[in-house]
Structure formats: C-alpha cells, structure tokens
Amino acid sequence: MTIDPASELSTKEFLEAFQKLKEGEETADRMEKMLNKLEGNIEALLAAAEELNKSDTAGSSNIEPSA
C-alpha cells in the first residue's frame, strides 16, 4: 500500500496544527490560573483597604479638633 504524498503532507500539517493548538490551550490554562490568582490578590487588597479606611474613619471621629 502506498501513501499519496499529498495525503502525507496534509497529515503532517494536521499534526503540526494539532500540536500548536495543544500548546495554545496549555498557555491559555496557565494564563487563566495566573489571572485567577491575580484576581484573588486584588480582592484581598481591596478588603484590606476597606478595613484600613474603616479604621481611619473610626479613629478620626474620636480625635478632637485642636483650637
């Protein structure tokens, strides 16, 4: 049985395209994980900033103005 050279080329092209697709999917997965981690860090920073803002507001209401 002989393989048509054109068929062999299309198989090679398919394998190359499949490999690139796989690499792209792996990259997308890594980026999604990094973005999720970044989102968690941002949420933690926002929560900390809110707490600081609340404590600053509470602390400044106890301070009497100097005359």
C-alpha atoms as a PDB file:
ATOM      1  CA  MET A   1       0.000   0.000   0.000  1.00  0.00           C
ATOM      2  CA  THR A   2       1.416   3.370  -0.999  1.00  0.00           C
ATOM      3  CA  ILE A   3       0.609   6.664   0.645  1.00  0.00           C
ATOM      4  CA  ASP A   4      -0.181   9.600  -1.559  1.00  0.00           C
ATOM      5  CA  PRO A   5       2.447  12.344  -0.929  1.00  0.00           C
ATOM      6  CA  ALA A   6      -0.324  14.966  -0.778  1.00  0.00           C
ATOM      7  CA  SER A   7      -2.087  12.923   1.891  1.00  0.00           C
ATOM      8  CA  GLU A   8       1.160  12.582   3.803  1.00  0.00           C
ATOM      9  CA  LEU A   9       1.636  16.356   3.698  1.00  0.00           C
ATOM     10  CA  SER A  10      -1.875  17.033   4.941  1.00  0.00           C
ATOM     11  CA  THR A  11      -1.308  14.574   7.796  1.00  0.00           C
ATOM     12  CA  LYS A  12       1.903  16.400   8.707  1.00  0.00           C
ATOM     13  CA  GLU A  13       0.095  19.748   8.558  1.00  0.00           C
ATOM     14  CA  PHE A  14      -2.694  18.360  10.721  1.00  0.00           C
ATOM     15  CA  LEU A  15      -0.229  17.104  13.327  1.00  0.00           C
ATOM     16  CA  GLU A  16       1.568  20.466  13.385  1.00  0.00           C
ATOM     17  CA  ALA A  17      -1.722  22.335  13.726  1.00  0.00           C
ATOM     18  CA  PHE A  18      -2.847  19.966  16.477  1.00  0.00           C
ATOM     19  CA  GLN A  19       0.430  20.480  18.360  1.00  0.00           C
ATOM     20  CA  LYS A  20       0.095  24.266  18.101  1.00  0.00           C
ATOM     21  CA  LEU A  21      -3.496  24.045  19.289  1.00  0.00           C
ATOM     22  CA  LYS A  22      -2.410  21.931  22.263  1.00  0.00           C
ATOM     23  CA  GLU A  23       0.350  24.412  23.134  1.00  0.00           C
ATOM     24  CA  GLY A  24      -2.118  27.292  22.849  1.00  0.00           C
ATOM     25  CA  GLU A  25      -4.561  25.525  25.137  1.00  0.00           C
ATOM     26  CA  GLU A  26      -1.826  24.916  27.723  1.00  0.00           C
ATOM     27  CA  THR A  27      -0.827  28.583  27.534  1.00  0.00           C
ATOM     28  CA  ALA A  28      -4.452  29.657  27.953  1.00  0.00           C
ATOM     29  CA  ASP A  29      -4.804  27.394  31.003  1.00  0.00           C
ATOM     30  CA  ARG A  30      -1.673  28.876  32.593  1.00  0.00           C
ATOM     31  CA  MET A  31      -2.887  32.403  31.888  1.00  0.00           C
ATOM     32  CA  GLU A  32      -6.304  31.628  33.369  1.00  0.00           C
ATOM     33  CA  LYS A  33      -4.658  30.325  36.559  1.00  0.00           C
ATOM     34  CA  MET A  34      -2.470  33.441  36.796  1.00  0.00           C
ATOM     35  CA  LEU A  35      -5.469  35.716  36.259  1.00  0.00           C
ATOM     36  CA  ASN A  36      -7.466  33.879  38.930  1.00  0.00           C
ATOM     37  CA  LYS A  37      -4.568  34.278  41.358  1.00  0.00           C
ATOM     38  CA  LEU A  38      -4.259  37.952  40.453  1.00  0.00           C
ATOM     39  CA  GLU A  39      -7.991  38.436  40.944  1.00  0.00           C
ATOM     40  CA  GLY A  40      -7.728  36.852  44.399  1.00  0.00           C
ATOM     41  CA  ASN A  41      -4.824  39.154  45.287  1.00  0.00           C
ATOM     42  CA  ILE A  42      -6.771  42.206  44.120  1.00  0.00           C
ATOM     43  CA  GLU A  43      -9.796  41.163  46.181  1.00  0.00           C
ATOM     44  CA  ALA A  44      -7.577  40.713  49.246  1.00  0.00           C
ATOM     45  CA  LEU A  45      -6.013  44.147  48.718  1.00  0.00           C
ATOM     46  CA  LEU A  46      -9.428  45.768  48.317  1.00  0.00           C
ATOM     47  CA  ALA A  47     -10.661  44.109  51.510  1.00  0.00           C
ATOM     48  CA  ALA A  48      -7.556  45.299  53.382  1.00  0.00           C
ATOM     49  CA  ALA A  49      -8.019  48.817  52.004  1.00  0.00           C
ATOM     50  CA  GLU A  50     -11.647  48.832  53.146  1.00  0.00           C
ATOM     51  CA  GLU A  51     -10.598  47.752  56.642  1.00  0.00           C
ATOM     52  CA  LEU A  52      -7.957  50.482  56.769  1.00  0.00           C
ATOM     53  CA  ASN A  53     -10.482  53.026  55.566  1.00  0.00           C
ATOM     54  CA  LYS A  54     -12.964  51.934  58.242  1.00  0.00           C
ATOM     55  CA  SER A  55     -10.344  52.121  60.995  1.00  0.00           C
ATOM     56  CA  ASP A  56      -9.156  55.533  59.754  1.00  0.00           C
ATOM     57  CA  THR A  57     -12.727  56.820  59.720  1.00  0.00           C
ATOM     58  CA  ALA A  58     -13.428  55.420  63.194  1.00  0.00           C
ATOM     59  CA  GLY A  59     -10.130  56.741  64.541  1.00  0.00           C
ATOM     60  CA  SER A  60     -10.584  60.222  63.108  1.00  0.00           C
ATOM     61  CA  SER A  61     -14.049  60.584  64.647  1.00  0.00           C
ATOM     62  CA  ASN A  62     -12.501  60.111  68.113  1.00  0.00           C
ATOM     63  CA  ILE A  63      -9.923  62.856  67.569  1.00  0.00           C
ATOM     64  CA  GLU A  64     -10.938  66.233  68.936  1.00  0.00           C
ATOM     65  CA  PRO A  65     -10.028  69.226  66.800  1.00  0.00           C
ATOM     66  CA  SER A  66      -7.337  71.436  68.321  1.00  0.00           C
ATOM     67  CA  ALA A  67      -8.204  75.073  68.831  1.00  0.00           C
END
